[in-house]
Amino acid sequence: MNERVILLHGLWMPRLSMHWLARRLRAVGFATEIFGYATVAGGPDAAVPRLARHLGDRPAHLLAHSLGGLVALTALERNPDLPVSRVVCLGSPLCGSGAAAGLAGYAWSAASLGRSADLLRQGCGPWHGAAEVGVVAGSTPLGLGRYFGRFAGANDGTVAVDETRLPGLADHTIVATSHTGLLLSPEVARQAVSFFRHGRFDPAGANGPIE
């Protein structure tokens, strides 16, 4: 049976945003499912129990973009018996988002974060769960987030690389792409496949390309 991968999208994004990554994973033998949720009106409090029910008792990996990574780790923290082996977060501000904090500071933009505001600003605590967690961060600074967050170092235009370095990660790698580009990059897909199969990323390219 093909390994199951559930994909979670990020803030303001539709389920369709995960289509390209899902297609690339299916092409190399994974069984993919895209989990959609209301990022603003519903937020994590609604998404987390739904994700737990969706996972059920069938083993799976999780591939999550941005806010989706925070939702994924929150679900696993609250439900430690969920059968998830490995999680790959793409550009997820696991340590808290400076851009989200900046947006929340303006009356005209605070509402755009909706019920996800607190989780985005605060992030997650150090990871101690059973699942192995890896992060792929972007380093091409193209995105509106740079107008709201002050990035002192490398960033993907929305999330700083340092905001993705949560204590307790199994592995971390950086790809030269923007926050949105993480969804489209063949290199990101290759790194996700490497982590799901081996529990580590593959900077040397030993596992070959994914188109």
C-alpha atoms as a PDB file:
ATOM      1  CA  MET A   1       0.000   0.000   0.000  1.00  0.00           C
ATOM      2  CA  ASN A   2       1.287   3.473  -0.893  1.00  0.00           C
ATOM      3  CA  GLU A   3       2.264   5.704   2.003  1.00  0.00           C
ATOM      4  CA  ARG A   4      -0.384   8.291   2.835  1.00  0.00           C
ATOM      5  CA  VAL A   5       0.461  12.011   2.809  1.00  0.00           C
ATOM      6  CA  ILE A   6      -2.041  14.641   3.908  1.00  0.00           C
ATOM      7  CA  LEU A   7      -1.355  18.166   2.648  1.00  0.00           C
ATOM      8  CA  LEU A   8      -2.410  21.343   4.480  1.00  0.00           C
ATOM      9  CA  HIS A   9      -2.483  24.793   2.889  1.00  0.00           C
ATOM     10  CA  GLY A  10      -1.597  28.113   4.478  1.00  0.00           C
ATOM     11  CA  LEU A  11      -3.340  31.349   5.394  1.00  0.00           C
ATOM     12  CA  TRP A  12      -5.717  32.791   2.765  1.00  0.00           C
ATOM     13  CA  MET A  13      -4.906  29.901   0.416  1.00  0.00           C
ATOM     14  CA  PRO A  14      -7.374  27.464  -1.213  1.00  0.00           C
ATOM     15  CA  ARG A  15      -7.038  23.691  -1.319  1.00  0.00           C
ATOM     16  CA  LEU A  16      -5.942  24.062  -4.944  1.00  0.00           C
ATOM     17  CA  SER A  17      -2.677  25.670  -3.809  1.00  0.00           C
ATOM     18  CA  MET A  18      -1.435  22.231  -2.722  1.00  0.00           C
ATOM     19  CA  HIS A  19      -2.315  20.566  -6.039  1.00  0.00           C
ATOM     20  CA  TRP A  20       1.147  20.809  -7.601  1.00  0.00           C
ATOM     21  CA  LEU A  21       2.909  19.292  -4.616  1.00  0.00           C
ATOM     22  CA  ALA A  22       0.272  16.571  -4.365  1.00  0.00           C
ATOM     23  CA  ARG A  23       0.751  15.710  -8.033  1.00  0.00           C
ATOM     24  CA  ARG A  24       4.522  15.433  -7.634  1.00  0.00           C
ATOM     25  CA  LEU A  25       4.180  13.184  -4.598  1.00  0.00           C
ATOM     26  CA  ARG A  26       1.673  10.945  -6.380  1.00  0.00           C
ATOM     27  CA  ALA A  27       4.084  10.616  -9.294  1.00  0.00           C
ATOM     28  CA  VAL A  28       6.652   8.969  -7.012  1.00  0.00           C
ATOM     29  CA  GLY A  29       4.199   6.643  -5.317  1.00  0.00           C
ATOM     30  CA  PHE A  30       2.574   8.444  -2.392  1.00  0.00           C
ATOM     31  CA  ALA A  31      -1.186   8.460  -1.808  1.00  0.00           C
ATOM     32  CA  THR A  32      -2.108  12.102  -1.294  1.00  0.00           C
ATOM     33  CA  GLU A  33      -5.074  13.844   0.315  1.00  0.00           C
ATOM     34  CA  ILE A  34      -5.552  17.603   0.549  1.00  0.00           C
ATOM     35  CA  PHE A  35      -7.092  18.829   3.798  1.00  0.00           C
ATOM     36  CA  GLY A  36      -8.959  22.114   3.399  1.00  0.00           C
ATOM     37  CA  TYR A  37      -9.968  24.386   6.252  1.00  0.00           C
ATOM     38  CA  ALA A  38     -11.152  27.963   6.856  1.00  0.00           C
ATOM     39  CA  THR A  39      -8.017  29.843   7.847  1.00  0.00           C
ATOM     40  CA  VAL A  40      -9.702  33.132   8.845  1.00  0.00           C
ATOM     41  CA  ALA A  41     -13.306  32.385   9.855  1.00  0.00           C
ATOM     42  CA  GLY A  42     -12.555  29.002  11.421  1.00  0.00           C
ATOM     43  CA  GLY A  43      -8.897  29.063  12.368  1.00  0.00           C
ATOM     44  CA  PRO A  44      -6.956  26.422  14.310  1.00  0.00           C
ATOM     45  CA  ASP A  45      -9.653  25.788  16.927  1.00  0.00           C
ATOM     46  CA  ALA A  46     -11.931  24.485  14.187  1.00  0.00           C
ATOM     47  CA  ALA A  47      -9.241  22.910  11.987  1.00  0.00           C
ATOM     48  CA  VAL A  48      -7.356  20.914  14.625  1.00  0.00           C
ATOM     49  CA  PRO A  49     -10.193  18.570  15.678  1.00  0.00           C
ATOM     50  CA  ARG A  50     -11.253  18.171  12.056  1.00  0.00           C
ATOM     51  CA  LEU A  51      -7.716  17.180  11.089  1.00  0.00           C
ATOM     52  CA  ALA A  52      -7.580  14.658  13.933  1.00  0.00           C
ATOM     53  CA  ARG A  53     -10.809  13.075  12.712  1.00  0.00           C
ATOM     54  CA  HIS A  54      -9.558  13.080   9.125  1.00  0.00           C
ATOM     55  CA  LEU A  55      -6.389  11.258  10.139  1.00  0.00           C
ATOM     56  CA  GLY A  56      -8.306   8.610  12.026  1.00  0.00           C
ATOM     57  CA  ASP A  57      -6.287   5.500  12.806  1.00  0.00           C
ATOM     58  CA  ARG A  58      -4.570   5.141   9.414  1.00  0.00           C
ATOM     59  CA  PRO A  59      -0.823   5.944   9.368  1.00  0.00           C
ATOM     60  CA  ALA A  60       0.144   9.087   7.485  1.00  0.00           C
ATOM     61  CA  HIS A  61       2.719  11.791   6.927  1.00  0.00           C
ATOM     62  CA  LEU A  62       1.831  15.494   6.830  1.00  0.00           C
ATOM     63  CA  LEU A  63       3.051  18.120   4.345  1.00  0.00           C
ATOM     64  CA  ALA A  64       2.030  21.598   5.417  1.00  0.00           C
ATOM     65  CA  HIS A  65       2.618  25.093   4.071  1.00  0.00           C
ATOM     66  CA  SER A  66       2.951  28.137   6.340  1.00  0.00           C
ATOM     67  CA  LEU A  67       0.004  28.287   8.799  1.00  0.00           C
ATOM     68  CA  GLY A  68      -0.700  24.644   7.910  1.00  0.00           C
ATOM     69  CA  GLY A  69       2.482  23.620   9.726  1.00  0.00           C
ATOM     70  CA  LEU A  70       1.314  25.325  12.903  1.00  0.00           C
ATOM     71  CA  VAL A  71      -2.065  23.612  12.617  1.00  0.00           C
ATOM     72  CA  ALA A  72      -0.374  20.247  12.028  1.00  0.00           C
ATOM     73  CA  LEU A  73       1.910  20.469  15.072  1.00  0.00           C
ATOM     74  CA  THR A  74      -0.911  21.770  17.258  1.00  0.00           C
ATOM     75  CA  ALA A  75      -3.049  18.785  16.249  1.00  0.00           C
ATOM     76  CA  LEU A  76      -0.246  16.360  17.087  1.00  0.00           C
ATOM     77  CA  GLU A  77       0.481  18.086  20.382  1.00  0.00           C
ATOM     78  CA  ARG A  78      -3.162  17.898  21.445  1.00  0.00           C
ATOM     79  CA  ASN A  79      -3.607  14.351  20.111  1.00  0.00           C
ATOM     80  CA  PRO A  80      -0.287  12.552  20.724  1.00  0.00           C
ATOM     81  CA  ASP A  81      -1.708   9.179  19.685  1.00  0.00           C
ATOM     82  CA  LEU A  82      -2.415  10.243  16.097  1.00  0.00           C
ATOM     83  CA  PRO A  83      -0.616   7.841  13.691  1.00  0.00           C
ATOM     84  CA  VAL A  84       1.671  10.428  12.059  1.00  0.00           C
ATOM     85  CA  SER A  85       5.285   9.408  11.471  1.00  0.00           C
ATOM     86  CA  ARG A  86       6.807  12.461   9.785  1.00  0.00           C
ATOM     87  CA  VAL A  87       5.832  16.065   9.157  1.00  0.00           C
ATOM     88  CA  VAL A  88       7.364  18.453   6.617  1.00  0.00           C
ATOM     89  CA  CYS A  89       6.579  22.133   7.160  1.00  0.00           C
ATOM     90  CA  LEU A  90       7.166  24.557   4.299  1.00  0.00           C
ATOM     91  CA  GLY A  91       7.977  28.107   5.371  1.00  0.00           C
ATOM     92  CA  SER A  92       5.984  27.690   8.587  1.00  0.00           C
ATOM     93  CA  PRO A  93       6.681  30.382  11.233  1.00  0.00           C
ATOM     94  CA  LEU A  94       6.843  27.790  13.992  1.00  0.00           C
ATOM     95  CA  CYS A  95       8.543  30.278  16.326  1.00  0.00           C
ATOM     96  CA  GLY A  96       5.950  32.987  15.624  1.00  0.00           C
ATOM     97  CA  SER A  97       5.484  35.321  12.677  1.00  0.00           C
ATOM     98  CA  GLY A  98       6.824  38.853  12.710  1.00  0.00           C
ATOM     99  CA  ALA A  99       4.738  39.663   9.646  1.00  0.00           C
ATOM    100  CA  ALA A 100       1.582  38.494  11.430  1.00  0.00           C
ATOM    101  CA  ALA A 101       2.487  40.576  14.463  1.00  0.00           C
ATOM    102  CA  GLY A 102       2.944  43.549  12.148  1.00  0.00           C
ATOM    103  CA  LEU A 103      -0.428  42.999  10.474  1.00  0.00           C
ATOM    104  CA  ALA A 104      -2.110  42.668  13.861  1.00  0.00           C
ATOM    105  CA  GLY A 105      -0.727  46.050  14.830  1.00  0.00           C
ATOM    106  CA  TYR A 106      -2.866  47.934  12.311  1.00  0.00           C
ATOM    107  CA  ALA A 107      -6.612  48.310  12.790  1.00  0.00           C
ATOM    108  CA  TRP A 108      -7.237  48.073   9.043  1.00  0.00           C
ATOM    109  CA  SER A 109      -5.363  44.752   8.638  1.00  0.00           C
ATOM    110  CA  ALA A 110      -5.743  42.918  11.958  1.00  0.00           C
ATOM    111  CA  ALA A 111      -9.056  41.331  10.924  1.00  0.00           C
ATOM    112  CA  SER A 112      -7.388  39.697   7.918  1.00  0.00           C
ATOM    113  CA  LEU A 113      -5.740  37.160  10.228  1.00  0.00           C
ATOM    114  CA  GLY A 114      -9.062  36.187  11.771  1.00  0.00           C
ATOM    115  CA  ARG A 115      -9.042  33.309  14.250  1.00  0.00           C
ATOM    116  CA  SER A 116      -5.521  32.289  13.193  1.00  0.00           C
ATOM    117  CA  ALA A 117      -3.945  35.479  14.574  1.00  0.00           C
ATOM    118  CA  ASP A 118      -2.859  34.170  17.982  1.00  0.00           C
ATOM    119  CA  LEU A 119      -1.249  30.973  16.687  1.00  0.00           C
ATOM    120  CA  LEU A 120       0.578  32.845  13.922  1.00  0.00           C
ATOM    121  CA  ARG A 121       1.958  35.454  16.316  1.00  0.00           C
ATOM    122  CA  GLN A 122       2.889  33.065  19.113  1.00  0.00           C
ATOM    123  CA  GLY A 123       4.011  29.988  17.182  1.00  0.00           C
ATOM    124  CA  CYS A 124       4.524  26.596  18.789  1.00  0.00           C
ATOM    125  CA  GLY A 125       6.566  25.499  21.763  1.00  0.00           C
ATOM    126  CA  PRO A 126       9.706  23.341  21.342  1.00  0.00           C
ATOM    127  CA  TRP A 127       8.796  20.051  19.693  1.00  0.00           C
ATOM    128  CA  HIS A 128       8.817  16.937  21.898  1.00  0.00           C
ATOM    129  CA  GLY A 129       6.275  14.818  20.032  1.00  0.00           C
ATOM    130  CA  ALA A 130       6.780  11.334  18.595  1.00  0.00           C
ATOM    131  CA  ALA A 131       6.568  12.435  14.951  1.00  0.00           C
ATOM    132  CA  GLU A 132       9.770  13.536  13.233  1.00  0.00           C
ATOM    133  CA  VAL A 133       9.430  17.119  12.027  1.00  0.00           C
ATOM    134  CA  GLY A 134      11.463  18.757   9.260  1.00  0.00           C
ATOM    135  CA  VAL A 135      11.261  22.273   7.862  1.00  0.00           C
ATOM    136  CA  VAL A 136      12.015  23.564   4.371  1.00  0.00           C
ATOM    137  CA  ALA A 137      12.523  27.340   4.520  1.00  0.00           C
ATOM    138  CA  GLY A 138      12.711  29.718   1.575  1.00  0.00           C
ATOM    139  CA  SER A 139      15.401  32.361   1.112  1.00  0.00           C
ATOM    140  CA  THR A 140      14.154  34.487  -1.819  1.00  0.00           C
ATOM    141  CA  PRO A 141      12.668  37.660  -0.270  1.00  0.00           C
ATOM    142  CA  LEU A 142       9.647  38.193  -2.513  1.00  0.00           C
ATOM    143  CA  GLY A 143       6.344  38.759  -0.755  1.00  0.00           C
ATOM    144  CA  LEU A 144       4.118  41.288   0.964  1.00  0.00           C
ATOM    145  CA  GLY A 145       5.171  40.090   4.396  1.00  0.00           C
ATOM    146  CA  ARG A 146       8.376  42.083   4.212  1.00  0.00           C
ATOM    147  CA  TYR A 147       6.312  45.277   4.424  1.00  0.00           C
ATOM    148  CA  PHE A 148       4.859  44.247   7.783  1.00  0.00           C
ATOM    149  CA  GLY A 149       7.637  42.212   9.400  1.00  0.00           C
ATOM    150  CA  ARG A 150      11.189  43.354  10.038  1.00  0.00           C
ATOM    151  CA  PHE A 151      13.511  40.603   8.865  1.00  0.00           C
ATOM    152  CA  ALA A 152      17.071  40.829  10.113  1.00  0.00           C
ATOM    153  CA  GLY A 153      18.297  37.847   8.119  1.00  0.00           C
ATOM    154  CA  ALA A 154      17.350  35.500   5.308  1.00  0.00           C
ATOM    155  CA  ASN A 155      13.637  35.277   4.547  1.00  0.00           C
ATOM    156  CA  ASP A 156      11.168  34.188   1.864  1.00  0.00           C
ATOM    157  CA  GLY A 157       9.370  37.535   1.694  1.00  0.00           C
ATOM    158  CA  THR A 158       6.811  36.481   4.297  1.00  0.00           C
ATOM    159  CA  VAL A 159       8.612  34.362   6.898  1.00  0.00           C
ATOM    160  CA  ALA A 160      12.164  34.741   8.211  1.00  0.00           C
ATOM    161  CA  VAL A 161      14.336  31.627   8.161  1.00  0.00           C
ATOM    162  CA  ASP A 162      14.965  32.096  11.895  1.00  0.00           C
ATOM    163  CA  GLU A 163      11.205  31.954  12.501  1.00  0.00           C
ATOM    164  CA  THR A 164      11.192  28.396  11.130  1.00  0.00           C
ATOM    165  CA  ARG A 165      13.974  27.029  13.385  1.00  0.00           C
ATOM    166  CA  LEU A 166      11.893  25.466  16.141  1.00  0.00           C
ATOM    167  CA  PRO A 167      13.860  23.563  18.808  1.00  0.00           C
ATOM    168  CA  GLY A 168      13.299  19.829  18.485  1.00  0.00           C
ATOM    169  CA  LEU A 169      13.273  19.593  14.684  1.00  0.00           C
ATOM    170  CA  ALA A 170      14.710  16.433  13.151  1.00  0.00           C
ATOM    171  CA  ASP A 171      16.120  18.398  10.182  1.00  0.00           C
ATOM    172  CA  HIS A 172      16.030  21.807   8.502  1.00  0.00           C
ATOM    173  CA  THR A 173      17.000  22.918   5.011  1.00  0.00           C
ATOM    174  CA  ILE A 174      16.821  26.091   2.946  1.00  0.00           C
ATOM    175  CA  VAL A 175      15.738  26.343  -0.694  1.00  0.00           C
ATOM    176  CA  ALA A 176      16.208  29.445  -2.855  1.00  0.00           C
ATOM    177  CA  THR A 177      12.549  30.270  -3.400  1.00  0.00           C
ATOM    178  CA  SER A 178       9.872  32.606  -2.074  1.00  0.00           C
ATOM    179  CA  HIS A 179       7.055  31.818   0.345  1.00  0.00           C
ATOM    180  CA  THR A 180       4.592  31.100  -2.465  1.00  0.00           C
ATOM    181  CA  GLY A 181       7.339  29.493  -4.542  1.00  0.00           C
ATOM    182  CA  LEU A 182       7.650  26.755  -1.923  1.00  0.00           C
ATOM    183  CA  LEU A 183       4.387  25.368  -3.325  1.00  0.00           C
ATOM    184  CA  LEU A 184       5.671  25.165  -6.893  1.00  0.00           C
ATOM    185  CA  SER A 185       9.317  24.169  -6.533  1.00  0.00           C
ATOM    186  CA  PRO A 186      10.412  20.709  -7.750  1.00  0.00           C
ATOM    187  CA  GLU A 187      13.332  20.988  -5.299  1.00  0.00           C
ATOM    188  CA  VAL A 188      10.946  21.441  -2.386  1.00  0.00           C
ATOM    189  CA  ALA A 189       9.011  18.355  -3.489  1.00  0.00           C
ATOM    190  CA  ARG A 190      12.266  16.384  -3.720  1.00  0.00           C
ATOM    191  CA  GLN A 191      13.249  17.414  -0.215  1.00  0.00           C
ATOM    192  CA  ALA A 192       9.840  16.446   1.144  1.00  0.00           C
ATOM    193  CA  VAL A 193      10.086  13.013  -0.460  1.00  0.00           C
ATOM    194  CA  SER A 194      13.553  12.526   1.016  1.00  0.00           C
ATOM    195  CA  PHE A 195      12.318  13.365   4.507  1.00  0.00           C
ATOM    196  CA  PHE A 196       9.272  11.129   4.251  1.00  0.00           C
ATOM    197  CA  ARG A 197      11.391   8.219   3.064  1.00  0.00           C
ATOM    198  CA  HIS A 198      14.532   8.657   5.154  1.00  0.00           C
ATOM    199  CA  GLY A 199      13.793  11.107   7.967  1.00  0.00           C
ATOM    200  CA  ARG A 200      16.282  13.642   6.623  1.00  0.00           C
ATOM    201  CA  PHE A 201      16.646  16.123   3.812  1.00  0.00           C
ATOM    202  CA  ASP A 202      18.963  15.578   0.881  1.00  0.00           C
ATOM    203  CA  PRO A 203      20.973  18.706   0.008  1.00  0.00           C
ATOM    204  CA  ALA A 204      23.428  16.697  -2.083  1.00  0.00           C
ATOM    205  CA  GLY A 205      20.728  15.574  -4.509  1.00  0.00           C
ATOM    206  CA  ALA A 206      21.436  11.876  -4.097  1.00  0.00           C
ATOM    207  CA  ASN A 207      17.785  10.961  -4.529  1.00  0.00           C
ATOM    208  CA  GLY A 208      17.509  12.546  -7.958  1.00  0.00           C
ATOM    209  CA  PRO A 209      15.177  15.226  -9.314  1.00  0.00           C
ATOM    210  CA  ILE A 210      11.401  15.415  -9.212  1.00  0.00           C
ATOM    211  CA  GLU A 211       9.702  17.135 -12.138  1.00  0.00           C
END
